[in-house]
Amino acid sequence: MTAARDALLAHFRWSGGHADVWRVFADADALAAVMTGLADSWRDEGITRVVGIESRGFLLGAAAAVSLAVGFVAVRKEGGLFPGPKVTVEAAEDYRGLRHRLRMQAVLDPRDPVLLVDDWAERGSQAAAVQHLVESTGATFAGVSLLVDQLRPAARTALGRVTTLATADELGDPGA
């Protein structure tokens, strides 16, 4: 986990007050370390599927799924093409005050322990919505693996097990 955390902290930048985690993905060694770090804490948990939220969650979740040798299930925001039967939920407001309608293909099995992998959680509204989607299929929501955790304690507790590579406080001042 230390290599993953170090890679994240070395490549992360603030740009105009916005978090830039894309730099982590541009370096092959950093990307490999981060993917391993996101998956390692979950290797012995019997995870059978990983879910990821559009867009960085697609990249992180799919890579973590490959690392865990399990399937990946995309969670899309409303608007894009997404064929087949779906389950849908509206998330509570995110940190920008936006509410997203999230959709996931109805492919989970009630026997699936499912891990959500994402880049950052501020309020946890989208993670909670994904938890609801997963549980609405009868599958088990195992928890969340994040690059950056900015969750308040109540949100973290509601999500169950949360593993993270860094906290938002460790990333420095966004205005600097």
Protein backbone atom coordinates (compact mmCIF):
# COMPACT_ATOMS: atom_id res chain seq x y z
CA MET A 1 0.00 0.00 0.00
CA THR A 2 2.92 2.36 0.67
CA ALA A 3 4.09 2.24 -2.96
CA ALA A 4 0.57 3.07 -4.15
CA ARG A 5 0.21 5.95 -1.70
CA ASP A 6 3.65 7.29 -2.59
CA ALA A 7 2.86 7.11 -6.32
CA LEU A 8 -0.43 8.95 -5.82
CA LEU A 9 1.14 11.70 -3.72
CA ALA A 10 4.11 12.10 -6.10
CA HIS A 11 1.91 12.53 -9.20
CA PHE A 12 -1.12 14.34 -7.81
CA ARG A 13 -1.42 18.07 -8.56
CA TRP A 14 -3.88 20.85 -7.94
CA SER A 15 -4.66 22.78 -11.10
CA GLY A 16 -6.64 25.98 -10.76
CA GLY A 17 -8.14 24.70 -7.51
CA HIS A 18 -9.18 21.41 -9.13
CA ALA A 19 -7.80 17.98 -8.29
CA ASP A 20 -5.76 16.45 -11.12
CA VAL A 21 -5.45 12.69 -10.59
CA TRP A 22 -5.06 12.08 -14.34
CA ARG A 23 -1.27 12.53 -13.99
CA VAL A 24 -1.16 9.30 -11.98
CA PHE A 25 -2.54 7.41 -14.98
CA ALA A 26 0.02 8.88 -17.39
CA ASP A 27 2.95 7.14 -15.64
CA ALA A 28 2.95 3.36 -16.14
CA ASP A 29 4.75 2.58 -12.87
CA ALA A 30 2.49 4.91 -10.85
CA LEU A 31 -0.61 3.46 -12.49
CA ALA A 32 0.52 -0.11 -11.73
CA ALA A 33 1.28 0.78 -8.10
CA VAL A 34 -2.07 2.53 -7.63
CA MET A 35 -4.01 -0.35 -9.19
CA THR A 36 -2.27 -2.84 -6.93
CA GLY A 37 -2.91 -0.64 -3.91
CA LEU A 38 -6.62 -0.31 -4.68
CA ALA A 39 -7.03 -4.08 -5.02
CA ASP A 40 -4.66 -5.50 -2.40
CA SER A 41 -6.81 -4.89 0.69
CA TRP A 42 -9.65 -6.81 -0.96
CA ARG A 43 -7.82 -9.90 -2.29
CA ASP A 44 -9.00 -12.22 0.50
CA GLU A 45 -12.57 -10.89 0.67
CA GLY A 46 -14.12 -13.13 -2.00
CA ILE A 47 -15.00 -10.21 -4.28
CA THR A 48 -16.59 -11.47 -7.53
CA ARG A 49 -17.39 -8.14 -9.21
CA VAL A 50 -16.02 -4.61 -9.17
CA VAL A 51 -18.20 -1.61 -10.04
CA GLY A 52 -16.93 1.78 -11.14
CA ILE A 53 -18.70 5.11 -11.72
CA GLU A 54 -18.25 7.02 -14.96
CA SER A 55 -15.58 8.19 -15.83
CA ARG A 56 -12.43 7.71 -13.75
CA GLY A 57 -14.16 4.86 -11.94
CA PHE A 58 -14.30 3.01 -15.27
CA LEU A 59 -10.52 3.13 -15.58
CA LEU A 60 -9.78 2.39 -11.92
CA GLY A 61 -12.52 -0.17 -11.46
CA ALA A 62 -11.72 -2.13 -14.60
CA ALA A 63 -8.02 -2.23 -13.74
CA ALA A 64 -8.79 -3.33 -10.16
CA ALA A 65 -11.13 -6.02 -11.52
CA VAL A 66 -8.36 -7.36 -13.75
CA SER A 67 -5.97 -7.32 -10.77
CA LEU A 68 -8.53 -9.25 -8.68
CA ALA A 69 -9.37 -11.58 -11.63
CA VAL A 70 -13.08 -10.73 -11.39
CA GLY A 71 -15.68 -9.06 -13.62
CA PHE A 72 -16.29 -5.32 -13.97
CA VAL A 73 -19.70 -3.63 -14.05
CA ALA A 74 -20.00 -0.02 -15.22
CA VAL A 75 -22.20 2.55 -13.48
CA ARG A 76 -23.18 5.27 -15.94
CA LYS A 77 -24.57 8.70 -15.42
CA GLU A 78 -27.71 9.53 -17.35
CA GLY A 79 -27.38 10.51 -20.97
CA GLY A 80 -25.08 8.02 -22.66
CA LEU A 81 -26.04 4.89 -24.56
CA PHE A 82 -26.37 1.94 -22.21
CA PRO A 83 -28.22 -1.07 -23.67
CA GLY A 84 -29.95 -3.88 -21.81
CA PRO A 85 -31.96 -4.15 -18.60
CA LYS A 86 -30.81 -1.70 -15.93
CA VAL A 87 -31.34 -0.69 -12.34
CA THR A 88 -31.45 3.05 -11.71
CA VAL A 89 -31.21 5.40 -8.74
CA GLU A 90 -30.87 9.13 -8.20
CA ALA A 91 -27.95 10.06 -5.99
CA ALA A 92 -28.18 12.72 -3.31
CA GLU A 93 -26.40 16.01 -4.03
CA ASP A 94 -22.68 15.79 -4.60
CA TYR A 95 -20.11 18.34 -3.44
CA ARG A 96 -21.08 20.65 -6.34
CA GLY A 97 -24.79 20.47 -5.49
CA LEU A 98 -25.56 18.21 -8.49
CA ARG A 99 -27.80 15.15 -8.36
CA HIS A 100 -26.88 12.38 -10.79
CA ARG A 101 -29.15 9.62 -12.02
CA LEU A 102 -26.95 6.50 -11.96
CA ARG A 103 -27.61 3.39 -14.02
CA MET A 104 -26.13 -0.09 -13.89
CA GLN A 105 -26.89 -3.08 -16.08
CA ALA A 106 -28.81 -5.73 -14.16
CA VAL A 107 -26.03 -8.34 -14.36
CA LEU A 108 -25.15 -8.92 -10.70
CA ASP A 109 -26.02 -12.18 -9.04
CA PRO A 110 -27.32 -12.38 -5.44
CA ARG A 111 -24.19 -14.41 -4.61
CA ASP A 112 -21.86 -11.58 -5.72
CA PRO A 113 -19.83 -9.67 -3.13
CA VAL A 114 -19.26 -6.36 -4.97
CA LEU A 115 -16.52 -3.75 -4.50
CA LEU A 116 -16.87 -0.13 -5.62
CA VAL A 117 -13.60 1.39 -6.84
CA ASP A 118 -13.40 5.14 -7.46
CA ASP A 119 -10.97 8.04 -7.44
CA TRP A 120 -12.42 10.36 -4.81
CA ALA A 121 -15.33 10.52 -2.39
CA GLU A 122 -16.32 13.87 -0.89
CA ARG A 123 -19.83 13.42 0.48
CA GLY A 124 -20.26 9.81 -0.54
CA SER A 125 -23.57 10.48 -2.29
CA GLN A 126 -22.68 8.58 -5.45
CA ALA A 127 -21.06 5.76 -3.48
CA ALA A 128 -24.24 5.45 -1.38
CA ALA A 129 -26.31 5.39 -4.57
CA VAL A 130 -24.12 2.61 -5.98
CA GLN A 131 -24.50 0.72 -2.70
CA HIS A 132 -28.28 0.96 -3.21
CA LEU A 133 -27.99 -0.22 -6.85
CA VAL A 134 -25.89 -3.23 -5.86
CA GLU A 135 -28.15 -4.20 -2.98
CA SER A 136 -31.28 -3.76 -5.13
CA THR A 137 -30.05 -6.66 -7.26
CA GLY A 138 -29.68 -8.90 -4.20
CA ALA A 139 -25.88 -8.76 -4.38
CA THR A 140 -23.77 -7.81 -1.35
CA PHE A 141 -22.05 -4.43 -1.23
CA ALA A 142 -18.64 -5.28 0.25
CA GLY A 143 -17.31 -1.74 0.46
CA VAL A 144 -15.32 0.96 -1.28
CA SER A 145 -11.70 1.33 -2.38
CA LEU A 146 -10.65 4.93 -3.08
CA LEU A 147 -7.65 6.89 -4.24
CA VAL A 148 -8.70 9.83 -2.03
CA ASP A 149 -11.04 9.82 0.96
CA GLN A 150 -12.71 13.08 1.98
CA LEU A 151 -15.71 11.43 3.63
CA ARG A 152 -17.18 12.57 6.90
CA PRO A 153 -17.31 9.83 9.55
CA ALA A 154 -21.08 9.25 9.21
CA ALA A 155 -20.83 8.75 5.42
CA ARG A 156 -17.85 6.42 5.84
CA THR A 157 -19.70 4.35 8.42
CA ALA A 158 -22.80 4.09 6.21
CA LEU A 159 -20.69 2.67 3.37
CA GLY A 160 -19.20 -0.10 5.49
CA ARG A 161 -15.59 -0.96 4.83
CA VAL A 162 -13.67 1.86 3.10
CA THR A 163 -10.03 1.55 2.10
CA THR A 164 -8.07 4.47 0.73
CA LEU A 165 -4.63 5.41 -0.52
CA ALA A 166 -4.72 8.98 0.86
CA THR A 167 -6.98 11.50 2.53
CA ALA A 168 -7.80 14.86 0.99
CA ASP A 169 -5.89 16.57 3.83
CA GLU A 170 -2.68 14.85 2.67
CA LEU A 171 -2.89 16.45 -0.78
CA GLY A 172 -2.03 19.95 0.29
CA ASP A 173 -3.76 23.26 -0.26
CA PRO A 174 -5.81 23.45 -3.49
CA GLY A 175 -5.11 27.18 -3.70
CA ALA A 176 -1.34 26.86 -3.43
